C-alpha cells in the first residue's frame, strides 16, 4: 500500500485525521497484530509505536491489546491529536483509563505519549501543558514526536521541547526523522542525551530528503516508520543508513540495536550481556545468504534476509523458533487480517486524491516533478495506482 505517493498526498488520504472514523477497532487490532508478527519474524524485537489509532474510546484499546498479545516489546505511545468527533479532552480521559486498567505484569509493553503539535499553532498552550503534565504525572516510558521542519513545517524541535521543560526530565524524548535539525538542536540533543529516530526507507520513499540529520548520527537510532508503507525489518534500514559520513557495518549494526535502547534510556536493551533483557535474535549461519561468513556483523548487515532468522526471543520467551512464528493461531490471524485489510482497501479506493494547495504550511511551493520514463515509445511505464 501507499506506493507512488508523496507525504502531502499521504496526509490528505490516509493520515491520522483522514483515517479517523474509517478504521474500526477490529481493523486496528488485527492490523497491529499482523504488523508486529511481521516485525518479529524479521527479528525486530522492540519498537516505539506512535499510536495514531486513537480515534475513539475503543480503537486505542484495540492497538494496545494487539501489542500485548503479539509478545513483542512495544513502547505503545498514545497519540493526542485533533481528529473528528474525538477531542483531545476525551483522549486525555481515555488515556487515564488505560493507565489505570492496562496490565502491568507479564507483558513487555510499556506506555508512552506521542504528540505532534508542540509548535504548529493548531492547539493552545493549555492543551500542550495538559499533555506534558500528564506525561510527568504518570511517568511515561517515552515521549515521541515527529520533527519535520523545512518545507513541511511542524518542527517539534528539541529547541521547542527544551523551552517546555521536557528535555531534562527522567522521560526519554525521541524525535522522529529530524530532517532539518539545526546546530542548536543537535547541541541540545547531545547535552540532554536525547535521540532522533531516522527511518531511511520511508524517508527516501516519500522523498523527504535528509538535509541535515547526518549532523546527529551520534544521537540517532533507526526506525521503520510504518509497516503499512514498507518492510518492518531493521537490518534493511541499517543498510540504508545515512551515508553523508563514512559508515561501517558495525556502526550500522549499532544504529539498529544498541542505540535504540539508549534512545529509551534502557541500557538493558539492544545488547547481549549479564543483566540485560533477554531479547535475542539468532541467525542461521548455514543459510544460502550467510554460508561461509567470516565477519558476523558484515554477514548480517550486507547479506542477511528475513528467512535467515532462525530464533527470536522477547523477554526470554520464544516468539519465533526453528524459522517459524510460535504465536498461537496464526492462521486465524491471517484470515482476520485479510478480511480487515480488504475492507480498508475498498474504502480507501473510494477516497478521491486530495486537491493540493499551492504551498505547504511552511510556504514552500508544491510542484510536480518531471516523471521518469523507463520504456521505449509511448508511455512511461509508471503503472497504475492500486490504492
Protein backbone atom coordinates (compact mmCIF):
# COMPACT_ATOMS: atom_id res chain seq x y z
CA UNK A 1 0.00 0.00 0.00
CA UNK A 2 0.91 3.68 -0.36
CA UNK A 3 3.11 3.15 -3.41
CA UNK A 4 3.89 6.11 -5.69
CA UNK A 5 2.70 8.60 -3.10
CA UNK A 6 4.09 11.78 -1.59
CA UNK A 7 3.90 12.74 2.06
CA UNK A 8 1.41 15.51 1.30
CA UNK A 9 -0.89 13.06 -0.52
CA UNK A 10 -0.50 10.57 2.32
CA UNK A 11 -1.70 13.12 4.87
CA UNK A 12 -4.71 14.02 2.73
CA UNK A 13 -5.85 10.45 2.00
CA UNK A 14 -4.50 8.10 4.63
CA UNK A 15 -3.08 10.09 7.54
CA UNK A 16 -4.31 10.07 11.11
CA UNK A 17 -7.01 12.71 10.53
CA UNK A 18 -8.17 11.23 7.21
CA UNK A 19 -8.43 7.75 8.75
CA UNK A 20 -10.47 8.81 11.79
CA UNK A 21 -13.90 7.17 11.60
CA UNK A 22 -12.89 4.95 8.68
CA UNK A 23 -10.98 2.24 10.56
CA UNK A 24 -12.75 0.30 13.31
CA UNK A 25 -11.36 -1.42 16.40
CA UNK A 26 -11.20 -4.88 14.76
CA UNK A 27 -9.18 -3.49 11.86
CA UNK A 28 -6.84 -1.70 14.27
CA UNK A 29 -6.34 -4.82 16.38
CA UNK A 30 -5.67 -7.26 13.58
CA UNK A 31 -3.56 -4.79 11.58
CA UNK A 32 -1.41 -4.05 14.61
CA UNK A 33 -1.07 -7.73 15.49
CA UNK A 34 -0.17 -8.83 11.95
CA UNK A 35 2.30 -5.97 11.59
CA UNK A 36 4.06 -6.85 14.84
CA UNK A 37 4.22 -10.50 13.81
CA UNK A 38 5.89 -9.38 10.58
CA UNK A 39 8.43 -7.43 12.64
CA UNK A 40 9.11 -10.33 15.00
CA UNK A 41 9.55 -12.69 12.06
CA UNK A 42 12.26 -10.36 10.75
CA UNK A 43 13.98 -10.20 14.14
CA UNK A 44 12.71 -6.75 15.15
CA UNK A 45 12.02 -7.26 18.85
CA UNK A 46 11.44 -3.70 20.09
CA UNK A 47 9.56 -0.70 18.70
CA UNK A 48 8.16 2.65 19.71
CA UNK A 49 4.62 2.87 18.37
CA UNK A 50 3.50 6.43 17.66
CA UNK A 51 -0.06 5.15 18.04
CA UNK A 52 -2.14 7.27 15.67
CA UNK A 53 -5.10 4.89 16.05
CA UNK A 54 -6.56 6.92 18.93
CA UNK A 55 -9.85 7.85 17.26
CA UNK A 56 -12.40 6.64 19.84
CA UNK A 57 -12.59 5.00 23.25
CA UNK A 58 -12.29 1.59 21.56
CA UNK A 59 -9.53 1.91 18.95
CA UNK A 60 -6.70 2.72 21.41
CA UNK A 61 -7.51 -0.36 23.46
CA UNK A 62 -7.51 -2.42 20.26
CA UNK A 63 -3.99 -1.29 19.36
CA UNK A 64 -2.70 -1.73 22.89
CA UNK A 65 -4.22 -5.19 23.30
CA UNK A 66 -2.75 -6.29 19.97
CA UNK A 67 0.65 -5.05 21.10
CA UNK A 68 0.35 -7.07 24.31
CA UNK A 69 -0.94 -10.17 22.52
CA UNK A 70 1.89 -10.06 19.97
CA UNK A 71 4.59 -10.82 22.53
CA UNK A 72 6.77 -8.01 21.12
CA UNK A 73 8.44 -5.33 23.22
CA UNK A 74 6.40 -2.25 22.35
CA UNK A 75 6.59 1.24 23.81
CA UNK A 76 2.98 1.99 22.93
CA UNK A 77 2.68 5.78 22.78
CA UNK A 78 -0.86 7.16 22.73
CA UNK A 79 -1.14 9.93 20.11
CA UNK A 80 -3.00 13.04 21.23
CA UNK A 81 -4.25 14.84 18.13
CA UNK A 82 -7.04 16.93 16.62
CA UNK A 83 -9.37 14.48 14.86
CA UNK A 84 -13.08 14.48 14.02
CA UNK A 85 -15.56 13.51 16.73
CA UNK A 86 -12.95 12.73 19.38
CA UNK A 87 -11.46 15.72 21.15
CA UNK A 88 -8.14 15.87 22.94
CA UNK A 89 -10.10 16.33 26.17
CA UNK A 90 -11.79 12.98 25.53
CA UNK A 91 -8.45 11.44 24.63
CA UNK A 92 -6.96 12.59 27.95
CA UNK A 93 -9.76 10.83 29.84
CA UNK A 94 -9.30 7.70 27.73
CA UNK A 95 -5.56 7.63 28.36
CA UNK A 96 -6.02 7.91 32.11
CA UNK A 97 -8.45 4.99 31.94
CA UNK A 98 -5.84 2.97 30.05
CA UNK A 99 -3.10 3.86 32.54
CA UNK A 100 -5.30 2.68 35.41
CA UNK A 101 -6.51 -0.52 33.73
CA UNK A 102 -3.66 -1.73 31.50
CA UNK A 103 -1.81 -4.84 32.71
CA UNK A 104 1.44 -4.04 34.48
CA UNK A 105 2.90 -7.54 34.69
CA UNK A 106 3.60 -10.44 32.33
CA UNK A 107 3.94 -8.11 29.36
CA UNK A 108 6.83 -6.42 27.56
CA UNK A 109 4.59 -3.49 26.58
CA UNK A 110 5.08 -0.09 28.25
CA UNK A 111 3.04 3.10 27.91
CA UNK A 112 4.25 6.32 26.33
CA UNK A 113 2.80 9.51 24.85
CA UNK A 114 3.00 10.83 21.27
CA UNK A 115 2.22 14.41 20.26
CA UNK A 116 2.97 16.37 17.08
CA UNK A 117 1.61 19.86 17.76
CA UNK A 118 4.10 21.43 20.13
CA UNK A 119 4.78 24.41 17.87
CA UNK A 120 2.46 24.42 14.84
CA UNK A 121 -0.25 26.57 16.42
CA UNK A 122 -3.03 24.01 15.94
CA UNK A 123 -3.69 23.72 19.69
CA UNK A 124 -3.44 26.20 22.52
CA UNK A 125 -0.76 26.36 25.22
CA UNK A 126 -3.21 24.98 27.79
CA UNK A 127 -3.61 21.77 25.79
CA UNK A 128 0.15 21.38 25.38
CA UNK A 129 0.64 21.95 29.10
CA UNK A 130 -2.00 19.34 29.98
CA UNK A 131 -0.25 16.70 27.86
CA UNK A 132 3.17 17.50 29.30
CA UNK A 133 1.78 17.48 32.84
CA UNK A 134 0.15 14.10 32.20
CA UNK A 135 3.40 12.64 30.88
CA UNK A 136 5.21 13.72 34.03
CA UNK A 137 2.37 12.66 36.33
CA UNK A 138 2.25 9.06 35.13
CA UNK A 139 5.99 8.96 34.37
CA UNK A 140 5.58 7.58 30.86
CA UNK A 141 8.31 5.38 29.43
CA UNK A 142 8.83 7.66 26.43
CA UNK A 143 7.57 10.85 24.78
CA UNK A 144 7.82 10.85 20.99
CA UNK A 145 7.12 13.45 18.31
CA UNK A 146 7.53 13.83 14.55
CA UNK A 147 10.15 16.51 13.97
CA UNK A 148 9.62 17.75 10.43
CA UNK A 149 10.74 21.25 9.63
CA UNK A 150 11.93 22.71 6.37
CA UNK A 151 9.32 22.74 3.62
CA UNK A 152 6.93 20.69 5.77
CA UNK A 153 6.82 22.91 8.85
CA UNK A 154 5.77 21.26 12.12
CA UNK A 155 9.24 21.45 13.65
CA UNK A 156 8.59 19.89 17.08
CA UNK A 157 12.28 20.53 17.60
CA UNK A 158 14.50 19.91 20.59
CA UNK A 159 14.65 23.69 21.00
CA UNK A 160 10.87 23.77 21.41
CA UNK A 161 10.81 20.82 23.81
CA UNK A 162 13.59 22.42 25.85
CA UNK A 163 11.53 25.60 26.21
CA UNK A 164 8.68 23.44 27.52
CA UNK A 165 10.90 21.81 30.13
CA UNK A 166 10.84 18.29 28.68
CA UNK A 167 14.47 17.55 27.83
CA UNK A 168 15.88 17.44 31.35
CA UNK A 169 13.36 15.10 32.97
CA UNK A 170 13.71 11.37 33.55
CA UNK A 171 11.48 10.74 30.50
CA UNK A 172 13.34 9.96 27.24
CA UNK A 173 12.20 12.05 24.27
CA UNK A 174 12.55 10.53 20.78
CA UNK A 175 12.31 12.83 17.74
CA UNK A 176 11.27 11.05 14.55
CA UNK A 177 13.15 11.99 11.36
CA UNK A 178 14.62 15.38 12.44
CA UNK A 179 15.28 16.05 8.76
CA UNK A 180 16.06 19.73 9.18
CA UNK A 181 17.80 19.61 12.54
CA UNK A 182 19.77 22.78 13.33
CA UNK A 183 23.11 23.18 15.04
CA UNK A 184 21.32 24.41 18.18
CA UNK A 185 19.04 21.36 18.07
CA UNK A 186 21.98 18.97 17.82
CA UNK A 187 23.73 20.67 20.73
CA UNK A 188 20.61 20.32 22.86
CA UNK A 189 20.18 16.66 21.91
CA UNK A 190 23.76 15.93 22.90
CA UNK A 191 23.72 17.91 26.16
CA UNK A 192 20.41 16.36 27.31
CA UNK A 193 21.13 12.86 25.91
CA UNK A 194 18.01 12.69 23.72
CA UNK A 195 17.81 10.81 20.41
CA UNK A 196 16.36 11.07 16.92
CA UNK A 197 14.91 8.11 15.01
CA UNK A 198 15.92 8.08 11.34
CA UNK A 199 13.76 5.95 9.02
CA UNK A 200 15.76 5.68 5.77
CA UNK A 201 13.37 3.52 3.74
CA UNK A 202 10.29 5.69 4.24
CA UNK A 203 12.20 8.97 4.12
CA UNK A 204 13.54 8.05 0.70
CA UNK A 205 10.21 6.56 -0.39
CA UNK A 206 8.33 9.74 0.47
CA UNK A 207 11.13 11.87 -0.97
CA UNK A 208 11.66 13.71 2.29
CA UNK A 209 15.37 14.17 1.81
CA UNK A 210 17.95 14.21 4.55
CA UNK A 211 19.40 17.73 4.52
CA UNK A 212 21.00 17.86 7.98
CA UNK A 213 20.16 14.74 10.02
CA UNK A 214 23.66 13.43 9.29
CA UNK A 215 24.81 16.02 11.84
CA UNK A 216 23.36 13.99 14.71
CA UNK A 217 24.28 10.36 13.96
CA UNK A 218 25.89 10.04 17.41
CA UNK A 219 22.44 10.68 18.96
CA UNK A 220 20.47 8.62 16.43
CA UNK A 221 18.78 5.28 16.12
CA UNK A 222 16.97 3.63 13.21
CA UNK A 223 13.26 3.04 12.74
CA UNK A 224 10.88 1.53 10.18
CA UNK A 225 8.23 4.29 10.35
CA UNK A 226 5.20 2.13 9.48
CA UNK A 227 4.72 -1.47 8.39
CA UNK A 228 1.91 -0.21 6.13
CA UNK A 229 4.42 1.59 3.90
CA UNK A 230 7.41 -0.73 3.71
CA UNK A 231 9.12 -3.61 5.50
CA UNK A 232 9.47 -3.78 9.28
CA UNK A 233 12.98 -5.21 9.01
CA UNK A 234 15.57 -3.18 10.95
CA UNK A 235 18.55 -4.60 9.07
CA UNK A 236 17.11 -3.18 5.84
CA UNK A 237 17.10 0.24 7.48
CA UNK A 238 20.70 -0.24 8.59
CA UNK A 239 21.73 -0.98 5.00
CA UNK A 240 20.23 2.35 4.03
CA UNK A 241 21.78 4.27 6.92
CA UNK A 242 22.75 7.86 6.01
CA UNK A 243 25.95 7.90 4.02
CA UNK A 244 26.76 11.58 4.46
CA UNK A 245 29.68 10.40 6.60
CA UNK A 246 31.52 7.07 6.15
CA UNK A 247 29.54 4.33 7.90
CA UNK A 248 30.93 0.91 8.78
CA UNK A 249 28.86 -2.25 9.15
CA UNK A 250 29.47 -2.15 12.91
CA UNK A 251 28.15 1.42 13.10
CA UNK A 252 25.09 0.44 11.06
CA UNK A 253 24.50 -2.52 13.38
CA UNK A 254 24.74 -0.29 16.46
CA UNK A 255 22.21 2.15 14.96
CA UNK A 256 19.78 -0.75 14.59
CA UNK A 257 20.37 -2.29 18.02
CA UNK A 258 22.32 -0.62 20.84
CA UNK A 259 21.31 2.95 20.01
CA UNK A 260 17.62 2.04 20.14
CA UNK A 261 17.98 1.03 23.77
CA UNK A 262 20.00 4.15 24.55
CA UNK A 263 17.30 6.34 22.98
CA UNK A 264 14.88 4.91 25.54
CA UNK A 265 17.47 5.26 28.32
CA UNK A 266 17.39 1.50 28.58
CA UNK A 267 20.97 0.19 28.59
CA UNK A 268 19.48 -3.28 29.12
CA UNK A 269 18.01 -3.31 25.59
CA UNK A 270 19.80 -3.94 22.31
CA UNK A 271 22.72 -5.80 23.92
CA UNK A 272 23.71 -9.31 24.98
CA UNK A 273 25.13 -9.06 28.49
CA UNK A 274 24.54 -10.22 32.04
CA UNK A 275 21.54 -8.40 33.50
CA UNK A 276 20.16 -7.28 30.12
CA UNK A 277 16.65 -8.11 28.94
CA UNK A 278 16.55 -11.47 27.15
CA UNK A 279 15.64 -10.11 23.70
CA UNK A 280 17.65 -12.35 21.39
CA UNK A 281 17.81 -12.94 17.63
CA UNK A 282 19.62 -16.00 16.24
CA UNK A 283 20.54 -16.04 12.54
CA UNK A 284 21.13 -19.29 10.65
CA UNK A 285 24.77 -19.11 9.57
CA UNK A 286 24.33 -22.09 7.24
CA UNK A 287 21.67 -20.41 5.08
CA UNK A 288 22.33 -19.70 1.41
CA UNK A 289 22.73 -16.00 2.22
CA UNK A 290 25.16 -16.37 5.14
CA UNK A 291 27.06 -19.55 4.25
CA UNK A 292 30.81 -19.05 4.54
CA UNK A 293 30.62 -15.95 6.73
CA UNK A 294 33.75 -14.60 8.39
CA UNK A 295 32.63 -11.31 9.93
CA UNK A 296 29.23 -11.97 11.59
CA UNK A 297 28.21 -8.30 11.64
CA UNK A 298 29.08 -7.81 7.98
CA UNK A 299 27.20 -11.00 7.13
CA UNK A 300 24.03 -9.71 8.78
CA UNK A 301 24.19 -6.12 7.52
CA UNK A 302 25.20 -6.96 3.95
CA UNK A 303 23.85 -10.45 3.19
CA UNK A 304 21.00 -11.40 5.53
CA UNK A 305 17.35 -11.75 4.56
CA UNK A 306 14.31 -12.36 6.77
CA UNK A 307 14.35 -16.08 6.02
CA UNK A 308 17.72 -16.35 7.79
CA UNK A 309 16.17 -15.54 11.19
CA UNK A 310 16.08 -18.89 12.99
CA UNK A 311 15.02 -17.96 16.53
CA UNK A 312 13.63 -14.80 18.19
CA UNK A 313 13.10 -14.35 21.92
CA UNK A 314 11.45 -11.36 23.61
CA UNK A 315 11.67 -11.10 27.38
CA UNK A 316 13.08 -14.63 27.45
CA UNK A 317 10.13 -16.15 25.58
CA UNK A 318 10.31 -17.66 22.09
CA UNK A 319 8.18 -15.82 19.54
CA UNK A 320 9.93 -17.49 16.59
CA UNK A 321 11.57 -20.91 16.76
CA UNK A 322 13.18 -23.01 14.05
CA UNK A 323 12.24 -20.40 11.42
CA UNK A 324 8.54 -20.41 12.38
CA UNK A 325 6.48 -17.98 14.45
CA UNK A 326 5.15 -19.54 17.67
CA UNK A 327 2.32 -17.12 18.33
CA UNK A 328 -0.82 -19.21 18.74
CA UNK A 329 -3.40 -19.48 15.97
CA UNK A 330 -1.53 -17.64 13.24
CA UNK A 331 -3.89 -18.98 10.56
CA UNK A 332 -6.82 -17.24 12.24
CA UNK A 333 -4.82 -14.01 12.43
CA UNK A 334 -4.12 -14.23 8.69
CA UNK A 335 -7.81 -14.74 7.88
CA UNK A 336 -8.94 -11.86 10.07
CA UNK A 337 -6.23 -9.60 8.65
CA UNK A 338 -7.18 -10.38 5.04
CA UNK A 339 -10.83 -9.56 5.76
CA UNK A 340 -9.99 -6.35 7.64
CA UNK A 341 -7.45 -5.15 5.08
CA UNK A 342 -9.85 -5.78 2.18
CA UNK A 343 -12.45 -3.56 3.83
CA UNK A 344 -9.89 -0.81 4.40
CA UNK A 345 -8.55 -1.01 0.85
CA UNK A 346 -12.02 -0.90 -0.71
CA UNK A 347 -12.91 2.08 1.47
CA UNK A 348 -9.72 3.95 0.64
CA UNK A 349 -10.19 3.34 -3.09
CA UNK A 350 -13.32 5.47 -2.86
CA UNK A 351 -11.43 8.45 -1.43
CA UNK A 352 -10.55 10.95 -4.16
CA UNK A 353 -6.98 12.18 -4.24
CA UNK A 354 -6.83 15.47 -2.32
CA UNK A 355 -6.72 18.76 -4.21
CA UNK A 356 -3.35 20.10 -3.13
CA UNK A 357 -2.76 23.68 -2.09
CA UNK A 358 -0.27 25.85 -3.93
CA UNK A 359 2.14 25.80 -0.98
CA UNK A 360 2.93 23.76 2.12
CA UNK A 361 2.15 25.09 5.59
CA UNK A 362 5.74 26.37 5.69
CA UNK A 363 5.20 28.38 2.49
CA UNK A 364 7.16 26.15 0.10
CA UNK A 365 5.58 25.76 -3.36
CA UNK A 366 4.12 22.34 -4.19
CA UNK A 367 5.26 21.34 -7.69
CA UNK A 368 5.03 18.33 -9.99
CA UNK A 369 8.50 16.89 -10.70
CA UNK A 370 9.37 15.51 -14.12
CA UNK A 371 8.18 11.89 -14.33
CA UNK A 372 10.77 9.22 -15.05
CA UNK A 373 10.37 7.41 -18.40
CA UNK A 374 11.67 3.81 -18.42
CA UNK A 375 10.00 2.49 -21.60
CA UNK A 376 10.68 2.87 -25.31
CA UNK A 377 7.94 4.58 -27.32
CA UNK A 378 4.65 5.80 -25.88
CA UNK A 379 4.06 5.85 -22.15
CA UNK A 380 6.46 5.96 -19.23
CA UNK A 381 5.93 2.58 -17.57
CA UNK A 382 4.63 4.26 -14.42
CA UNK A 383 1.89 1.69 -13.80
CA UNK A 384 -1.43 2.01 -12.04
CA UNK A 385 -2.25 3.11 -8.52
CA UNK A 386 -4.00 0.31 -6.62
CA UNK A 387 -4.99 2.50 -3.66
